[in-house]
Amino acid sequence: MDIEEKLIKLIKSKKKGILQNELWKKAKIDSSKCSRMVAKLEKEGKISREPHSEGGSRTYLIKFTEKKEKPAKNFKLLMIGEIFSPCTGCALECVPEHCIPLSEWVYGLEEEGSK
């Protein structure tokens, strides 16, 4: 197990978070190396750090952050077969009832639905 995995495992083991000054001691690494690793993990979005004071000394409370997957975008509603809606990316300020490209696209929807 490498140091990064070890740190993440220690951070995950504490639901309310772990103080950075405890983390480097439990991981058995020096504080400066721990600081660099924590900064890297925070930059990657794997952890969060909050300033924390305890007994007059300043440290950080470190928490694991679950990275949530973005839902896949469903562009099928904007398409007929392989053709995007003409409104996708359109910069014209038109009246939809009088837009020829939109009307043709809507007729394509009707044809696609009758297949």
PDB file of N, CA and C in Angstrom:
ATOM      1  N   MET A   1       0.853  -1.174   0.000  1.00  0.00           N
ATOM      2  CA  MET A   1       0.000   0.000   0.000  1.00  0.00           C
ATOM      3  C   MET A   1       0.901   1.241   0.000  1.00  0.00           C
ATOM      4  N   ASP A   2       0.663   2.155  -0.961  1.00  0.00           N
ATOM      5  CA  ASP A   2       1.485   3.361  -0.993  1.00  0.00           C
ATOM      6  C   ASP A   2       0.959   4.395   0.012  1.00  0.00           C
ATOM      7  N   ILE A   3       1.692   5.470   0.170  1.00  0.00           N
ATOM      8  CA  ILE A   3       1.366   6.477   1.193  1.00  0.00           C
ATOM      9  C   ILE A   3       0.001   7.111   0.940  1.00  0.00           C
ATOM     10  N   GLU A   4      -0.287   7.420  -0.324  1.00  0.00           N
ATOM     11  CA  GLU A   4      -1.575   8.043  -0.652  1.00  0.00           C
ATOM     12  C   GLU A   4      -2.737   7.138  -0.236  1.00  0.00           C
ATOM     13  N   GLU A   5      -2.650   5.862  -0.575  1.00  0.00           N
ATOM     14  CA  GLU A   5      -3.706   4.913  -0.198  1.00  0.00           C
ATOM     15  C   GLU A   5      -3.828   4.819   1.317  1.00  0.00           C
ATOM     16  N   LYS A   6      -2.699   4.820   2.004  1.00  0.00           N
ATOM     17  CA  LYS A   6      -2.692   4.746   3.462  1.00  0.00           C
ATOM     18  C   LYS A   6      -3.386   5.966   4.068  1.00  0.00           C
ATOM     19  N   LEU A   7      -3.076   7.157   3.543  1.00  0.00           N
ATOM     20  CA  LEU A   7      -3.712   8.381   4.043  1.00  0.00           C
ATOM     21  C   LEU A   7      -5.221   8.356   3.803  1.00  0.00           C
ATOM     22  N   ILE A   8      -5.615   7.959   2.622  1.00  0.00           N
ATOM     23  CA  ILE A   8      -7.050   7.909   2.303  1.00  0.00           C
ATOM     24  C   ILE A   8      -7.761   6.914   3.216  1.00  0.00           C
ATOM     25  N   LYS A   9      -7.140   5.780   3.452  1.00  0.00           N
ATOM     26  CA  LYS A   9      -7.735   4.775   4.338  1.00  0.00           C
ATOM     27  C   LYS A   9      -7.901   5.340   5.746  1.00  0.00           C
ATOM     28  N   LEU A  10      -6.890   6.041   6.254  1.00  0.00           N
ATOM     29  CA  LEU A  10      -6.982   6.654   7.583  1.00  0.00           C
ATOM     30  C   LEU A  10      -8.063   7.735   7.627  1.00  0.00           C
ATOM     31  N   ILE A  11      -8.133   8.546   6.589  1.00  0.00           N
ATOM     32  CA  ILE A  11      -9.133   9.617   6.530  1.00  0.00           C
ATOM     33  C   ILE A  11     -10.538   9.023   6.470  1.00  0.00           C
ATOM     34  N   LYS A  12     -10.730   7.999   5.642  1.00  0.00           N
ATOM     35  CA  LYS A  12     -12.037   7.345   5.520  1.00  0.00           C
ATOM     36  C   LYS A  12     -12.471   6.689   6.831  1.00  0.00           C
ATOM     37  N   SER A  13     -11.507   6.244   7.632  1.00  0.00           N
ATOM     38  CA  SER A  13     -11.836   5.522   8.869  1.00  0.00           C
ATOM     39  C   SER A  13     -12.484   6.423   9.922  1.00  0.00           C
ATOM     40  N   LYS A  14     -12.363   7.730   9.760  1.00  0.00           N
ATOM     41  CA  LYS A  14     -12.946   8.694  10.700  1.00  0.00           C
ATOM     42  C   LYS A  14     -14.096   9.422  10.011  1.00  0.00           C
ATOM     43  N   LYS A  15     -15.313   9.052  10.339  1.00  0.00           N
ATOM     44  CA  LYS A  15     -16.482   9.631   9.667  1.00  0.00           C
ATOM     45  C   LYS A  15     -16.566  11.145   9.821  1.00  0.00           C
ATOM     46  N   LYS A  16     -16.168  11.662  10.991  1.00  0.00           N
ATOM     47  CA  LYS A  16     -16.235  13.103  11.230  1.00  0.00           C
ATOM     48  C   LYS A  16     -14.957  13.811  10.808  1.00  0.00           C
ATOM     49  N   GLY A  17     -14.007  13.078  10.287  1.00  0.00           N
ATOM     50  CA  GLY A  17     -12.749  13.655   9.838  1.00  0.00           C
ATOM     51  C   GLY A  17     -11.620  13.369  10.819  1.00  0.00           C
ATOM     52  N   ILE A  18     -10.416  13.686  10.399  1.00  0.00           N
ATOM     53  CA  ILE A  18      -9.237  13.476  11.224  1.00  0.00           C
ATOM     54  C   ILE A  18      -8.395  14.751  11.166  1.00  0.00           C
ATOM     55  N   LEU A  19      -7.797  15.101  12.293  1.00  0.00           N
ATOM     56  CA  LEU A  19      -6.944  16.274  12.327  1.00  0.00           C
ATOM     57  C   LEU A  19      -5.631  15.965  11.616  1.00  0.00           C
ATOM     58  N   GLN A  20      -5.137  16.938  10.868  1.00  0.00           N
ATOM     59  CA  GLN A  20      -3.916  16.712  10.100  1.00  0.00           C
ATOM     60  C   GLN A  20      -2.738  16.375  11.010  1.00  0.00           C
ATOM     61  N   ASN A  21      -2.680  16.990  12.209  1.00  0.00           N
ATOM     62  CA  ASN A  21      -1.563  16.685  13.108  1.00  0.00           C
ATOM     63  C   ASN A  21      -1.659  15.276  13.688  1.00  0.00           C
ATOM     64  N   GLU A  22      -2.835  14.646  13.613  1.00  0.00           N
ATOM     65  CA  GLU A  22      -2.975  13.234  13.997  1.00  0.00           C
ATOM     66  C   GLU A  22      -2.651  12.327  12.817  1.00  0.00           C
ATOM     67  N   LEU A  23      -3.035  12.800  11.637  1.00  0.00           N
ATOM     68  CA  LEU A  23      -2.887  11.992  10.425  1.00  0.00           C
ATOM     69  C   LEU A  23      -1.432  11.618  10.172  1.00  0.00           C
ATOM     70  N   TRP A  24      -0.535  12.588  10.213  1.00  0.00           N
ATOM     71  CA  TRP A  24       0.857  12.261   9.903  1.00  0.00           C
ATOM     72  C   TRP A  24       1.472  11.348  10.954  1.00  0.00           C
ATOM     73  N   LYS A  25       1.003  11.473  12.214  1.00  0.00           N
ATOM     74  CA  LYS A  25       1.517  10.583  13.264  1.00  0.00           C
ATOM     75  C   LYS A  25       1.028   9.153  13.041  1.00  0.00           C
ATOM     76  N   LYS A  26      -0.274   9.008  12.740  1.00  0.00           N
ATOM     77  CA  LYS A  26      -0.830   7.669  12.523  1.00  0.00           C
ATOM     78  C   LYS A  26      -0.271   7.026  11.256  1.00  0.00           C
ATOM     79  N   ALA A  27       0.015   7.860  10.251  1.00  0.00           N
ATOM     80  CA  ALA A  27       0.560   7.335   8.993  1.00  0.00           C
ATOM     81  C   ALA A  27       2.063   7.071   9.098  1.00  0.00           C
ATOM     82  N   LYS A  28       2.660   7.560  10.187  1.00  0.00           N
ATOM     83  CA  LYS A  28       4.096   7.387  10.434  1.00  0.00           C
ATOM     84  C   LYS A  28       4.943   8.000   9.313  1.00  0.00           C
ATOM     85  N   ILE A  29       4.564   9.251   8.949  1.00  0.00           N
ATOM     86  CA  ILE A  29       5.351  10.020   7.982  1.00  0.00           C
ATOM     87  C   ILE A  29       5.601  11.396   8.589  1.00  0.00           C
ATOM     88  N   ASP A  30       6.578  12.134   8.042  1.00  0.00           N
ATOM     89  CA  ASP A  30       6.846  13.449   8.612  1.00  0.00           C
ATOM     90  C   ASP A  30       5.766  14.441   8.196  1.00  0.00           C
ATOM     91  N   SER A  31       5.612  15.496   8.986  1.00  0.00           N
ATOM     92  CA  SER A  31       4.503  16.442   8.798  1.00  0.00           C
ATOM     93  C   SER A  31       4.563  17.159   7.453  1.00  0.00           C
ATOM     94  N   SER A  32       5.751  17.486   6.966  1.00  0.00           N
ATOM     95  CA  SER A  32       5.836  18.199   5.689  1.00  0.00           C
ATOM     96  C   SER A  32       5.415  17.306   4.516  1.00  0.00           C
ATOM     97  N   LYS A  33       5.791  16.036   4.567  1.00  0.00           N
ATOM     98  CA  LYS A  33       5.361  15.103   3.516  1.00  0.00           C
ATOM     99  C   LYS A  33       3.846  14.935   3.570  1.00  0.00           C
ATOM    100  N   CYS A  34       3.303  14.849   4.787  1.00  0.00           N
ATOM    101  CA  CYS A  34       1.851  14.729   4.954  1.00  0.00           C
ATOM    102  C   CYS A  34       1.156  15.959   4.374  1.00  0.00           C
ATOM    103  N   SER A  35       1.693  17.143   4.637  1.00  0.00           N
ATOM    104  CA  SER A  35       1.104  18.386   4.114  1.00  0.00           C
ATOM    105  C   SER A  35       1.070  18.381   2.587  1.00  0.00           C
ATOM    106  N   ARG A  36       2.146  17.944   1.975  1.00  0.00           N
ATOM    107  CA  ARG A  36       2.192  17.876   0.503  1.00  0.00           C
ATOM    108  C   ARG A  36       1.164  16.889  -0.045  1.00  0.00           C
ATOM    109  N   MET A  37       1.067  15.733   0.600  1.00  0.00           N
ATOM    110  CA  MET A  37       0.115  14.716   0.153  1.00  0.00           C
ATOM    111  C   MET A  37      -1.325  15.190   0.335  1.00  0.00           C
ATOM    112  N   VAL A  38      -1.594  15.831   1.464  1.00  0.00           N
ATOM    113  CA  VAL A  38      -2.942  16.347   1.744  1.00  0.00           C
ATOM    114  C   VAL A  38      -3.307  17.418   0.722  1.00  0.00           C
ATOM    115  N   ALA A  39      -2.362  18.304   0.401  1.00  0.00           N
ATOM    116  CA  ALA A  39      -2.622  19.343  -0.606  1.00  0.00           C
ATOM    117  C   ALA A  39      -2.940  18.711  -1.960  1.00  0.00           C
ATOM    118  N   LYS A  40      -2.223  17.665  -2.314  1.00  0.00           N
ATOM    119  CA  LYS A  40      -2.451  16.957  -3.585  1.00  0.00           C
ATOM    120  C   LYS A  40      -3.832  16.310  -3.594  1.00  0.00           C
ATOM    121  N   LEU A  41      -4.194  15.635  -2.506  1.00  0.00           N
ATOM    122  CA  LEU A  41      -5.503  14.972  -2.422  1.00  0.00           C
ATOM    123  C   LEU A  41      -6.639  15.995  -2.458  1.00  0.00           C
ATOM    124  N   GLU A  42      -6.406  17.144  -1.828  1.00  0.00           N
ATOM    125  CA  GLU A  42      -7.434  18.195  -1.844  1.00  0.00           C
ATOM    126  C   GLU A  42      -7.593  18.746  -3.256  1.00  0.00           C
ATOM    127  N   LYS A  43      -6.495  18.974  -3.942  1.00  0.00           N
ATOM    128  CA  LYS A  43      -6.541  19.474  -5.316  1.00  0.00           C
ATOM    129  C   LYS A  43      -7.272  18.504  -6.243  1.00  0.00           C
ATOM    130  N   GLU A  44      -7.108  17.222  -5.990  1.00  0.00           N
ATOM    131  CA  GLU A  44      -7.778  16.192  -6.795  1.00  0.00           C
ATOM    132  C   GLU A  44      -9.246  16.029  -6.413  1.00  0.00           C
ATOM    133  N   GLY A  45      -9.691  16.705  -5.352  1.00  0.00           N
ATOM    134  CA  GLY A  45     -11.086  16.630  -4.926  1.00  0.00           C
ATOM    135  C   GLY A  45     -11.419  15.399  -4.103  1.00  0.00           C
ATOM    136  N   LYS A  46     -10.395  14.697  -3.609  1.00  0.00           N
ATOM    137  CA  LYS A  46     -10.632  13.476  -2.844  1.00  0.00           C
ATOM    138  C   LYS A  46     -10.902  13.764  -1.370  1.00  0.00           C
ATOM    139  N   ILE A  47     -10.417  14.916  -0.886  1.00  0.00           N
ATOM    140  CA  ILE A  47     -10.613  15.287   0.521  1.00  0.00           C
ATOM    141  C   ILE A  47     -10.956  16.766   0.608  1.00  0.00           C
ATOM    142  N   SER A  48     -11.436  17.164   1.783  1.00  0.00           N
ATOM    143  CA  SER A  48     -11.618  18.587   2.069  1.00  0.00           C
ATOM    144  C   SER A  48     -10.850  18.907   3.343  1.00  0.00           C
ATOM    145  N   ARG A  49     -10.400  20.165   3.457  1.00  0.00           N
ATOM    146  CA  ARG A  49      -9.671  20.608   4.648  1.00  0.00           C
ATOM    147  C   ARG A  49     -10.354  21.835   5.211  1.00  0.00           C
ATOM    148  N   GLU A  50     -10.564  21.841   6.522  1.00  0.00           N
ATOM    149  CA  GLU A  50     -11.143  22.992   7.213  1.00  0.00           C
ATOM    150  C   GLU A  50     -10.179  23.409   8.310  1.00  0.00           C
ATOM    151  N   PRO A  51      -9.911  24.714   8.444  1.00  0.00           N
ATOM    152  CA  PRO A  51      -9.050  25.150   9.545  1.00  0.00           C
ATOM    153  C   PRO A  51      -9.673  24.728  10.889  1.00  0.00           C
ATOM    154  N   HIS A  52      -8.822  24.341  11.827  1.00  0.00           N
ATOM    155  CA  HIS A  52      -9.299  23.846  13.122  1.00  0.00           C
ATOM    156  C   HIS A  52      -8.289  24.264  14.198  1.00  0.00           C
ATOM    157  N   SER A  53      -8.804  24.772  15.315  1.00  0.00           N
ATOM    158  CA  SER A  53      -7.938  25.128  16.448  1.00  0.00           C
ATOM    159  C   SER A  53      -8.248  24.208  17.609  1.00  0.00           C
ATOM    160  N   GLU A  54      -7.199  23.743  18.243  1.00  0.00           N
ATOM    161  CA  GLU A  54      -7.375  22.856  19.387  1.00  0.00           C
ATOM    162  C   GLU A  54      -6.267  23.162  20.393  1.00  0.00           C
ATOM    163  N   GLY A  55      -6.654  23.618  21.575  1.00  0.00           N
ATOM    164  CA  GLY A  55      -5.671  23.911  22.623  1.00  0.00           C
ATOM    165  C   GLY A  55      -4.664  24.971  22.215  1.00  0.00           C
ATOM    166  N   GLY A  56      -5.083  25.939  21.433  1.00  0.00           N
ATOM    167  CA  GLY A  56      -4.198  27.015  21.012  1.00  0.00           C
ATOM    168  C   GLY A  56      -3.361  26.696  19.785  1.00  0.00           C
ATOM    169  N   SER A  57      -3.347  25.446  19.333  1.00  0.00           N
ATOM    170  CA  SER A  57      -2.578  25.125  18.121  1.00  0.00           C
ATOM    171  C   SER A  57      -3.524  25.023  16.931  1.00  0.00           C
ATOM    172  N   ARG A  58      -3.014  25.455  15.780  1.00  0.00           N
ATOM    173  CA  ARG A  58      -3.830  25.427  14.570  1.00  0.00           C
ATOM    174  C   ARG A  58      -3.471  24.222  13.726  1.00  0.00           C
ATOM    175  N   THR A  59      -4.497  23.596  13.189  1.00  0.00           N
ATOM    176  CA  THR A  59      -4.309  22.449  12.295  1.00  0.00           C
ATOM    177  C   THR A  59      -5.492  22.446  11.333  1.00  0.00           C
ATOM    178  N   TYR A  60      -5.696  21.357  10.644  1.00  0.00           N
ATOM    179  CA  TYR A  60      -6.826  21.214   9.719  1.00  0.00           C
ATOM    180  C   TYR A  60      -7.596  19.951  10.044  1.00  0.00           C
ATOM    181  N   LEU A  61      -8.908  20.039   9.875  1.00  0.00           N
ATOM    182  CA  LEU A  61      -9.761  18.866   9.965  1.00  0.00           C
ATOM    183  C   LEU A  61      -9.923  18.366   8.532  1.00  0.00           C
ATOM    184  N   ILE A  62      -9.547  17.128   8.318  1.00  0.00           N
ATOM    185  CA  ILE A  62      -9.556  16.561   6.971  1.00  0.00           C
ATOM    186  C   ILE A  62     -10.658  15.519   6.873  1.00  0.00           C
ATOM    187  N   LYS A  63     -11.460  15.664   5.821  1.00  0.00           N
ATOM    188  CA  LYS A  63     -12.574  14.734   5.588  1.00  0.00           C
ATOM    189  C   LYS A  63     -12.488  14.181   4.183  1.00  0.00           C
ATOM    190  N   PHE A  64     -12.893  12.921   4.056  1.00  0.00           N
ATOM    191  CA  PHE A  64     -12.959  12.286   2.742  1.00  0.00           C
ATOM    192  C   PHE A  64     -14.195  12.798   2.028  1.00  0.00           C
ATOM    193  N   THR A  65     -14.067  13.119   0.760  1.00  0.00           N
ATOM    194  CA  THR A  65     -15.222  13.570  -0.021  1.00  0.00           C
ATOM    195  C   THR A  65     -15.489  12.565  -1.123  1.00  0.00           C
ATOM    196  N   GLU A  66     -16.687  12.023  -1.096  1.00  0.00           N
ATOM    197  CA  GLU A  66     -17.097  11.085  -2.143  1.00  0.00           C
ATOM    198  C   GLU A  66     -17.230  11.871  -3.437  1.00  0.00           C
ATOM    199  N   LYS A  67     -16.544  11.444  -4.432  1.00  0.00           N
ATOM    200  CA  LYS A  67     -16.670  12.087  -5.725  1.00  0.00           C
ATOM    201  C   LYS A  67     -17.910  11.539  -6.403  1.00  0.00           C
ATOM    202  N   LYS A  68     -18.832  12.405  -6.668  1.00  0.00           N
ATOM    203  CA  LYS A  68     -20.079  11.971  -7.296  1.00  0.00           C
ATOM    204  C   LYS A  68     -19.929  12.051  -8.802  1.00  0.00           C
ATOM    205  N   GLU A  69     -20.286  10.970  -9.424  1.00  0.00           N
ATOM    206  CA  GLU A  69     -20.234  10.920 -10.879  1.00  0.00           C
ATOM    207  C   GLU A  69     -21.332  11.810 -11.441  1.00  0.00           C
ATOM    208  N   LYS A  70     -20.985  12.556 -12.452  1.00  0.00           N
ATOM    209  CA  LYS A  70     -22.003  13.356 -13.130  1.00  0.00           C
ATOM    210  C   LYS A  70     -22.848  12.407 -13.959  1.00  0.00           C
ATOM    211  N   PRO A  71     -24.163  12.594 -13.927  1.00  0.00           N
ATOM    212  CA  PRO A  71     -25.001  11.706 -14.734  1.00  0.00           C
ATOM    213  C   PRO A  71     -24.700  11.901 -16.222  1.00  0.00           C
ATOM    214  N   ALA A  72     -24.794  10.820 -16.939  1.00  0.00           N
ATOM    215  CA  ALA A  72     -24.562  10.889 -18.377  1.00  0.00           C
ATOM    216  C   ALA A  72     -25.619  11.793 -19.002  1.00  0.00           C
ATOM    217  N   LYS A  73     -25.188  12.611 -19.924  1.00  0.00           N
ATOM    218  CA  LYS A  73     -26.120  13.527 -20.571  1.00  0.00           C
ATOM    219  C   LYS A  73     -26.851  12.778 -21.670  1.00  0.00           C
ATOM    220  N   ASN A  74     -28.157  12.961 -21.687  1.00  0.00           N
ATOM    221  CA  ASN A  74     -28.987  12.290 -22.670  1.00  0.00           C
ATOM    222  C   ASN A  74     -29.359  13.299 -23.748  1.00  0.00           C
ATOM    223  N   PHE A  75     -28.659  13.227 -24.860  1.00  0.00           N
ATOM    224  CA  PHE A  75     -28.926  14.149 -25.955  1.00  0.00           C
ATOM    225  C   PHE A  75     -29.990  13.623 -26.906  1.00  0.00           C
ATOM    226  N   LYS A  76     -30.503  12.424 -26.637  1.00  0.00           N
ATOM    227  CA  LYS A  76     -31.475  11.821 -27.550  1.00  0.00           C
ATOM    228  C   LYS A  76     -32.732  12.684 -27.694  1.00  0.00           C
ATOM    229  N   LEU A  77     -33.076  13.427 -26.641  1.00  0.00           N
ATOM    230  CA  LEU A  77     -34.260  14.277 -26.708  1.00  0.00           C
ATOM    231  C   LEU A  77     -34.052  15.470 -27.638  1.00  0.00           C
ATOM    232  N   LEU A  78     -32.811  15.769 -27.962  1.00  0.00           N
ATOM    233  CA  LEU A  78     -32.500  16.875 -28.853  1.00  0.00           C
ATOM    234  C   LEU A  78     -32.228  16.403 -30.278  1.00  0.00           C
ATOM    235  N   MET A  79     -32.448  15.110 -30.519  1.00  0.00           N
ATOM    236  CA  MET A  79     -32.048  14.556 -31.806  1.00  0.00           C
ATOM    237  C   MET A  79     -33.169  13.787 -32.493  1.00  0.00           C
ATOM    238  N   ILE A  80     -33.081  13.794 -33.813  1.00  0.00           N
ATOM    239  CA  ILE A  80     -33.865  12.879 -34.633  1.00  0.00           C
ATOM    240  C   ILE A  80     -32.821  12.057 -35.359  1.00  0.00           C
ATOM    241  N   GLY A  81     -32.768  10.783 -35.056  1.00  0.00           N
ATOM    242  CA  GLY A  81     -31.705   9.960 -35.635  1.00  0.00           C
ATOM    243  C   GLY A  81     -30.370  10.525 -35.209  1.00  0.00           C
ATOM    244  N   GLU A  82     -29.593  11.021 -36.161  1.00  0.00           N
ATOM    245  CA  GLU A  82     -28.283  11.617 -35.881  1.00  0.00           C
ATOM    246  C   GLU A  82     -28.293  13.139 -36.023  1.00  0.00           C
ATOM    247  N   ILE A  83     -29.478  13.734 -36.133  1.00  0.00           N
ATOM    248  CA  ILE A  83     -29.574  15.177 -36.375  1.00  0.00           C
ATOM    249  C   ILE A  83     -30.035  15.903 -35.117  1.00  0.00           C
ATOM    250  N   PHE A  84     -29.225  16.866 -34.665  1.00  0.00           N
ATOM    251  CA  PHE A  84     -29.584  17.680 -33.505  1.00  0.00           C
ATOM    252  C   PHE A  84     -30.696  18.654 -33.857  1.00  0.00           C
ATOM    253  N   SER A  85     -31.443  19.046 -32.844  1.00  0.00           N
ATOM    254  CA  SER A  85     -32.449  20.089 -32.992  1.00  0.00           C
ATOM    255  C   SER A  85     -31.766  21.345 -33.524  1.00  0.00           C
ATOM    256  N   PRO A  86     -32.399  22.043 -34.453  1.00  0.00           N
ATOM    257  CA  PRO A  86     -31.781  23.255 -34.987  1.00  0.00           C
ATOM    258  C   PRO A  86     -31.654  24.349 -33.917  1.00  0.00           C
ATOM    259  N   CYS A  87     -32.379  24.220 -32.829  1.00  0.00           N
ATOM    260  CA  CYS A  87     -32.311  25.220 -31.758  1.00  0.00           C
ATOM    261  C   CYS A  87     -31.049  25.045 -30.906  1.00  0.00           C
ATOM    262  N   THR A  88     -30.430  23.874 -30.980  1.00  0.00           N
ATOM    263  CA  THR A  88     -29.224  23.603 -30.215  1.00  0.00           C
ATOM    264  C   THR A  88     -28.114  24.509 -30.722  1.00  0.00           C
ATOM    265  N   GLY A  89     -27.721  25.451 -29.914  1.00  0.00           N
ATOM    266  CA  GLY A  89     -26.657  26.377 -30.282  1.00  0.00           C
ATOM    267  C   GLY A  89     -27.097  27.504 -31.197  1.00  0.00           C
ATOM    268  N   CYS A  90     -28.379  27.612 -31.466  1.00  0.00           N
ATOM    269  CA  CYS A  90     -28.876  28.671 -32.346  1.00  0.00           C
ATOM    270  C   CYS A  90     -28.841  30.014 -31.620  1.00  0.00           C
ATOM    271  N   ALA A  91     -28.336  31.034 -32.298  1.00  0.00           N
ATOM    272  CA  ALA A  91     -28.240  32.366 -31.703  1.00  0.00           C
ATOM    273  C   ALA A  91     -29.332  33.299 -32.222  1.00  0.00           C
ATOM    274  N   LEU A  92     -30.171  32.806 -33.105  1.00  0.00           N
ATOM    275  CA  LEU A  92     -31.230  33.653 -33.660  1.00  0.00           C
ATOM    276  C   LEU A  92     -32.360  33.834 -32.649  1.00  0.00           C
ATOM    277  N   GLU A  93     -32.896  35.016 -32.635  1.00  0.00           N
ATOM    278  CA  GLU A  93     -34.060  35.268 -31.783  1.00  0.00           C
ATOM    279  C   GLU A  93     -35.287  35.235 -32.697  1.00  0.00           C
ATOM    280  N   CYS A  94     -35.788  34.052 -32.898  1.00  0.00           N
ATOM    281  CA  CYS A  94     -36.906  33.904 -33.815  1.00  0.00           C
ATOM    282  C   CYS A  94     -38.172  33.547 -33.056  1.00  0.00           C
ATOM    283  N   VAL A  95     -39.257  33.530 -33.786  1.00  0.00           N
ATOM    284  CA  VAL A  95     -40.532  33.072 -33.239  1.00  0.00           C
ATOM    285  C   VAL A  95     -40.640  31.609 -33.645  1.00  0.00           C
ATOM    286  N   PRO A  96     -40.661  30.688 -32.671  1.00  0.00           N
ATOM    287  CA  PRO A  96     -40.645  29.261 -33.008  1.00  0.00           C
ATOM    288  C   PRO A  96     -41.697  28.844 -34.028  1.00  0.00           C
ATOM    289  N   GLU A  97     -42.874  29.457 -33.975  1.00  0.00           N
ATOM    290  CA  GLU A  97     -43.932  29.082 -34.923  1.00  0.00           C
ATOM    291  C   GLU A  97     -43.569  29.407 -36.371  1.00  0.00           C
ATOM    292  N   HIS A  98     -42.607  30.304 -36.577  1.00  0.00           N
ATOM    293  CA  HIS A  98     -42.246  30.734 -37.924  1.00  0.00           C
ATOM    294  C   HIS A  98     -40.826  30.310 -38.311  1.00  0.00           C
ATOM    295  N   CYS A  99     -40.194  29.471 -37.526  1.00  0.00           N
ATOM    296  CA  CYS A  99     -38.824  29.034 -37.794  1.00  0.00           C
ATOM    297  C   CYS A  99     -38.857  27.806 -38.701  1.00  0.00           C
ATOM    298  N   ILE A 100     -38.376  27.978 -39.930  1.00  0.00           N
ATOM    299  CA  ILE A 100     -38.409  26.897 -40.910  1.00  0.00           C
ATOM    300  C   ILE A 100     -37.543  25.711 -40.478  1.00  0.00           C
ATOM    301  N   PRO A 101     -36.269  25.926 -40.022  1.00  0.00           N
ATOM    302  CA  PRO A 101     -35.479  24.756 -39.593  1.00  0.00           C
ATOM    303  C   PRO A 101     -36.134  23.988 -38.442  1.00  0.00           C
ATOM    304  N   LEU A 102     -36.753  24.702 -37.515  1.00  0.00           N
ATOM    305  CA  LEU A 102     -37.421  24.029 -36.395  1.00  0.00           C
ATOM    306  C   LEU A 102     -38.634  23.249 -36.887  1.00  0.00           C
ATOM    307  N   SER A 103     -39.405  23.854 -37.781  1.00  0.00           N
ATOM    308  CA  SER A 103     -40.588  23.170 -38.328  1.00  0.00           C
ATOM    309  C   SER A 103     -40.191  21.882 -39.042  1.00  0.00           C
ATOM    310  N   GLU A 104     -39.121  21.938 -39.839  1.00  0.00           N
ATOM    311  CA  GLU A 104     -38.665  20.740 -40.553  1.00  0.00           C
ATOM    312  C   GLU A 104     -38.201  19.669 -39.564  1.00  0.00           C
ATOM    313  N   TRP A 105     -37.553  20.107 -38.497  1.00  0.00           N
ATOM    314  CA  TRP A 105     -37.074  19.169 -37.488  1.00  0.00           C
ATOM    315  C   TRP A 105     -38.255  18.501 -36.780  1.00  0.00           C
ATOM    316  N   VAL A 106     -39.285  19.290 -36.449  1.00  0.00           N
ATOM    317  CA  VAL A 106     -40.474  18.746 -35.780  1.00  0.00           C
ATOM    318  C   VAL A 106     -41.179  17.744 -36.697  1.00  0.00           C
ATOM    319  N   TYR A 107     -41.263  18.042 -37.988  1.00  0.00           N
ATOM    320  CA  TYR A 107     -41.868  17.087 -38.919  1.00  0.00           C
ATOM    321  C   TYR A 107     -41.054  15.795 -38.947  1.00  0.00           C
ATOM    322  N   GLY A 108     -39.750  15.927 -38.812  1.00  0.00           N
ATOM    323  CA  GLY A 108     -38.895  14.745 -38.724  1.00  0.00           C
ATOM    324  C   GLY A 108     -39.213  13.919 -37.495  1.00  0.00           C
ATOM    325  N   LEU A 109     -39.573  14.582 -36.388  1.00  0.00           N
ATOM    326  CA  LEU A 109     -39.983  13.869 -35.176  1.00  0.00           C
ATOM    327  C   LEU A 109     -41.228  13.039 -35.443  1.00  0.00           C
ATOM    328  N   GLU A 110     -42.180  13.640 -36.133  1.00  0.00           N
ATOM    329  CA  GLU A 110     -43.433  12.940 -36.456  1.00  0.00           C
ATOM    330  C   GLU A 110     -43.136  11.708 -37.316  1.00  0.00           C
ATOM    331  N   GLU A 111     -42.264  11.881 -38.311  1.00  0.00           N
ATOM    332  CA  GLU A 111     -41.909  10.771 -39.198  1.00  0.00           C
ATOM    333  C   GLU A 111     -41.173   9.677 -38.423  1.00  0.00           C
ATOM    334  N   GLU A 112     -40.260  10.086 -37.513  1.00  0.00           N
ATOM    335  CA  GLU A 112     -39.488   9.129 -36.706  1.00  0.00           C
ATOM    336  C   GLU A 112     -40.441   8.329 -35.795  1.00  0.00           C
ATOM    337  N   GLY A 113     -41.449   9.019 -35.248  1.00  0.00           N
ATOM    338  CA  GLY A 113     -42.402   8.367 -34.350  1.00  0.00           C
ATOM    339  C   GLY A 113     -43.322   7.393 -35.066  1.00  0.00           C
ATOM    340  N   SER A 114     -43.539   7.591 -36.340  1.00  0.00           N
ATOM    341  CA  SER A 114     -44.442   6.703 -37.088  1.00  0.00           C
ATOM    342  C   SER A 114     -43.733   5.458 -37.606  1.00  0.00           C
ATOM    343  N   LYS A 115     -42.414   5.380 -37.392  1.00  0.00           N
ATOM    344  CA  LYS A 115     -41.652   4.188 -37.849  1.00  0.00           C
ATOM    345  C   LYS A 115     -41.851   3.018 -36.941  1.00  0.00           C
TER     346      LYS A 115
END
